[in-house]
Amino acid sequence: MATTIQIQNETRDKLKMFGHKGESYDDLLDRLMNYCEELNIEEIIERRWKKLQTEKDKYISLDEI
């Protein structure tokens, strides 16, 4: 069963950049969601956040320059 979703033209244009010739939006979105699940985005973000927290004292604020 197909349904209609409303998206802005800019979003549609961005989606088109990720699509392959002849690929439906449904196929494209399914492929992108599967890819994100495989990446386990939450885990990646958590690791990067922890790394930033441990290294934040190494950075100099632009206000201090």
N, C-alpha and C. Protein backbone atom coordinates (compact mmCIF):
# COMPACT_ATOMS: atom_id res chain seq x y z
N MET A 1 0.84 -1.17 0.00
CA MET A 1 0.00 0.00 0.00
C MET A 1 0.88 1.24 0.00
N ALA A 2 0.67 2.09 -0.94
CA ALA A 2 1.45 3.32 -1.04
C ALA A 2 0.76 4.43 -0.28
N THR A 3 1.56 5.35 0.22
CA THR A 3 1.03 6.51 0.91
C THR A 3 1.79 7.73 0.43
N THR A 4 1.25 8.88 0.66
CA THR A 4 1.89 10.12 0.25
C THR A 4 2.44 10.82 1.48
N ILE A 5 3.66 11.30 1.38
CA ILE A 5 4.24 12.10 2.46
C ILE A 5 4.60 13.46 1.87
N GLN A 6 4.50 14.47 2.69
CA GLN A 6 4.82 15.81 2.23
C GLN A 6 6.24 16.16 2.66
N ILE A 7 7.03 16.57 1.69
CA ILE A 7 8.38 17.04 1.99
C ILE A 7 8.62 18.31 1.18
N GLN A 8 9.53 19.10 1.64
CA GLN A 8 9.87 20.33 0.93
C GLN A 8 10.68 19.99 -0.31
N ASN A 9 10.63 20.86 -1.29
CA ASN A 9 11.37 20.64 -2.53
C ASN A 9 12.86 20.45 -2.28
N GLU A 10 13.41 21.20 -1.33
CA GLU A 10 14.84 21.08 -1.01
C GLU A 10 15.18 19.67 -0.52
N THR A 11 14.30 19.12 0.31
CA THR A 11 14.51 17.77 0.82
C THR A 11 14.45 16.75 -0.31
N ARG A 12 13.46 16.92 -1.19
CA ARG A 12 13.33 16.02 -2.34
C ARG A 12 14.58 16.08 -3.21
N ASP A 13 15.11 17.29 -3.44
CA ASP A 13 16.31 17.43 -4.25
C ASP A 13 17.52 16.76 -3.61
N LYS A 14 17.62 16.85 -2.28
CA LYS A 14 18.71 16.17 -1.58
C LYS A 14 18.58 14.66 -1.70
N LEU A 15 17.35 14.17 -1.58
CA LEU A 15 17.12 12.73 -1.71
C LEU A 15 17.55 12.24 -3.09
N LYS A 16 17.25 13.03 -4.10
CA LYS A 16 17.60 12.64 -5.46
C LYS A 16 19.11 12.44 -5.62
N MET A 17 19.90 13.20 -4.88
CA MET A 17 21.36 13.09 -4.97
C MET A 17 21.84 11.71 -4.50
N PHE A 18 21.07 11.08 -3.60
CA PHE A 18 21.46 9.79 -3.06
C PHE A 18 20.91 8.62 -3.86
N GLY A 19 19.98 8.90 -4.75
CA GLY A 19 19.31 7.84 -5.49
C GLY A 19 20.10 7.34 -6.68
N HIS A 20 19.75 6.14 -7.12
CA HIS A 20 20.32 5.55 -8.32
C HIS A 20 19.28 5.64 -9.44
N LYS A 21 19.74 5.61 -10.64
CA LYS A 21 18.82 5.72 -11.79
C LYS A 21 17.75 4.62 -11.70
N GLY A 22 16.51 5.03 -11.80
CA GLY A 22 15.39 4.09 -11.76
C GLY A 22 14.96 3.66 -10.37
N GLU A 23 15.64 4.12 -9.35
CA GLU A 23 15.30 3.74 -7.97
C GLU A 23 14.13 4.58 -7.47
N SER A 24 13.17 3.93 -6.85
CA SER A 24 12.02 4.67 -6.30
C SER A 24 12.42 5.32 -4.98
N TYR A 25 11.63 6.30 -4.57
CA TYR A 25 11.89 6.92 -3.27
C TYR A 25 11.79 5.89 -2.16
N ASP A 26 10.86 4.96 -2.29
CA ASP A 26 10.70 3.92 -1.27
C ASP A 26 11.98 3.08 -1.17
N ASP A 27 12.51 2.68 -2.32
CA ASP A 27 13.74 1.89 -2.33
C ASP A 27 14.91 2.70 -1.76
N LEU A 28 14.97 3.96 -2.15
CA LEU A 28 16.05 4.84 -1.68
C LEU A 28 16.00 5.00 -0.17
N LEU A 29 14.83 5.32 0.35
CA LEU A 29 14.70 5.51 1.79
C LEU A 29 14.98 4.23 2.55
N ASP A 30 14.52 3.11 2.03
CA ASP A 30 14.77 1.83 2.66
C ASP A 30 16.27 1.53 2.71
N ARG A 31 16.95 1.80 1.59
CA ARG A 31 18.40 1.56 1.53
C ARG A 31 19.14 2.47 2.52
N LEU A 32 18.75 3.75 2.59
CA LEU A 32 19.41 4.67 3.51
C LEU A 32 19.17 4.30 4.97
N MET A 33 17.94 3.86 5.28
CA MET A 33 17.64 3.46 6.66
C MET A 33 18.42 2.21 7.04
N ASN A 34 18.52 1.25 6.13
CA ASN A 34 19.31 0.05 6.40
C ASN A 34 20.77 0.39 6.63
N TYR A 35 21.29 1.31 5.82
CA TYR A 35 22.68 1.72 5.96
C TYR A 35 22.90 2.35 7.34
N CYS A 36 21.99 3.21 7.76
CA CYS A 36 22.12 3.86 9.07
C CYS A 36 22.05 2.84 10.20
N GLU A 37 21.19 1.86 10.06
CA GLU A 37 21.10 0.81 11.08
C GLU A 37 22.41 0.04 11.18
N GLU A 38 23.01 -0.24 10.03
CA GLU A 38 24.27 -0.96 10.02
C GLU A 38 25.38 -0.15 10.66
N LEU A 39 25.35 1.14 10.44
CA LEU A 39 26.39 2.00 11.02
C LEU A 39 26.28 2.12 12.53
N ASN A 40 25.08 1.92 13.02
CA ASN A 40 24.80 2.10 14.44
C ASN A 40 25.22 3.52 14.85
N ILE A 41 24.54 4.48 14.29
CA ILE A 41 24.84 5.90 14.45
C ILE A 41 24.95 6.31 15.91
N GLU A 42 24.07 5.83 16.74
CA GLU A 42 24.10 6.23 18.15
C GLU A 42 25.42 5.85 18.80
N GLU A 43 25.92 4.69 18.47
CA GLU A 43 27.19 4.25 19.05
C GLU A 43 28.34 5.14 18.56
N ILE A 44 28.32 5.49 17.29
CA ILE A 44 29.36 6.35 16.74
C ILE A 44 29.34 7.72 17.40
N ILE A 45 28.14 8.28 17.56
CA ILE A 45 28.01 9.59 18.20
C ILE A 45 28.50 9.53 19.64
N GLU A 46 28.14 8.48 20.34
CA GLU A 46 28.56 8.34 21.74
C GLU A 46 30.08 8.26 21.85
N ARG A 47 30.71 7.48 20.97
CA ARG A 47 32.18 7.37 21.00
C ARG A 47 32.83 8.72 20.71
N ARG A 48 32.32 9.44 19.72
CA ARG A 48 32.89 10.75 19.38
C ARG A 48 32.71 11.74 20.51
N TRP A 49 31.55 11.70 21.16
CA TRP A 49 31.29 12.60 22.29
C TRP A 49 32.27 12.33 23.43
N LYS A 50 32.47 11.05 23.75
CA LYS A 50 33.41 10.70 24.81
C LYS A 50 34.82 11.15 24.47
N LYS A 51 35.21 10.98 23.21
CA LYS A 51 36.53 11.41 22.78
C LYS A 51 36.67 12.92 22.91
N LEU A 52 35.65 13.66 22.51
CA LEU A 52 35.69 15.12 22.64
C LEU A 52 35.80 15.54 24.09
N GLN A 53 35.08 14.84 24.96
CA GLN A 53 35.12 15.18 26.38
C GLN A 53 36.50 14.95 26.98
N THR A 54 37.18 13.89 26.54
CA THR A 54 38.51 13.62 27.10
C THR A 54 39.57 14.54 26.52
N GLU A 55 39.32 15.08 25.32
CA GLU A 55 40.32 15.92 24.66
C GLU A 55 40.01 17.42 24.75
N LYS A 56 38.92 17.80 25.37
CA LYS A 56 38.52 19.20 25.33
C LYS A 56 39.52 20.14 26.00
N ASP A 57 40.30 19.66 26.94
CA ASP A 57 41.29 20.52 27.58
C ASP A 57 42.49 20.81 26.68
N LYS A 58 42.60 20.11 25.57
CA LYS A 58 43.71 20.32 24.62
C LYS A 58 43.42 21.49 23.67
N TYR A 59 42.17 21.92 23.62
CA TYR A 59 41.79 22.96 22.68
C TYR A 59 41.82 24.33 23.35
N ILE A 60 42.13 25.33 22.57
CA ILE A 60 42.17 26.70 23.07
C ILE A 60 40.96 27.45 22.52
N SER A 61 40.26 28.11 23.40
CA SER A 61 39.10 28.88 22.99
C SER A 61 39.53 30.04 22.10
N LEU A 62 38.74 30.38 21.12
CA LEU A 62 39.06 31.51 20.24
C LEU A 62 39.09 32.81 21.04
N ASP A 63 38.34 32.86 22.13
CA ASP A 63 38.35 34.05 22.99
C ASP A 63 39.71 34.26 23.66
N GLU A 64 40.47 33.19 23.82
CA GLU A 64 41.76 33.26 24.50
C GLU A 64 42.91 33.66 23.56
N ILE A 65 42.63 33.68 22.29
CA ILE A 65 43.69 33.98 21.32
C ILE A 65 43.88 35.46 21.18
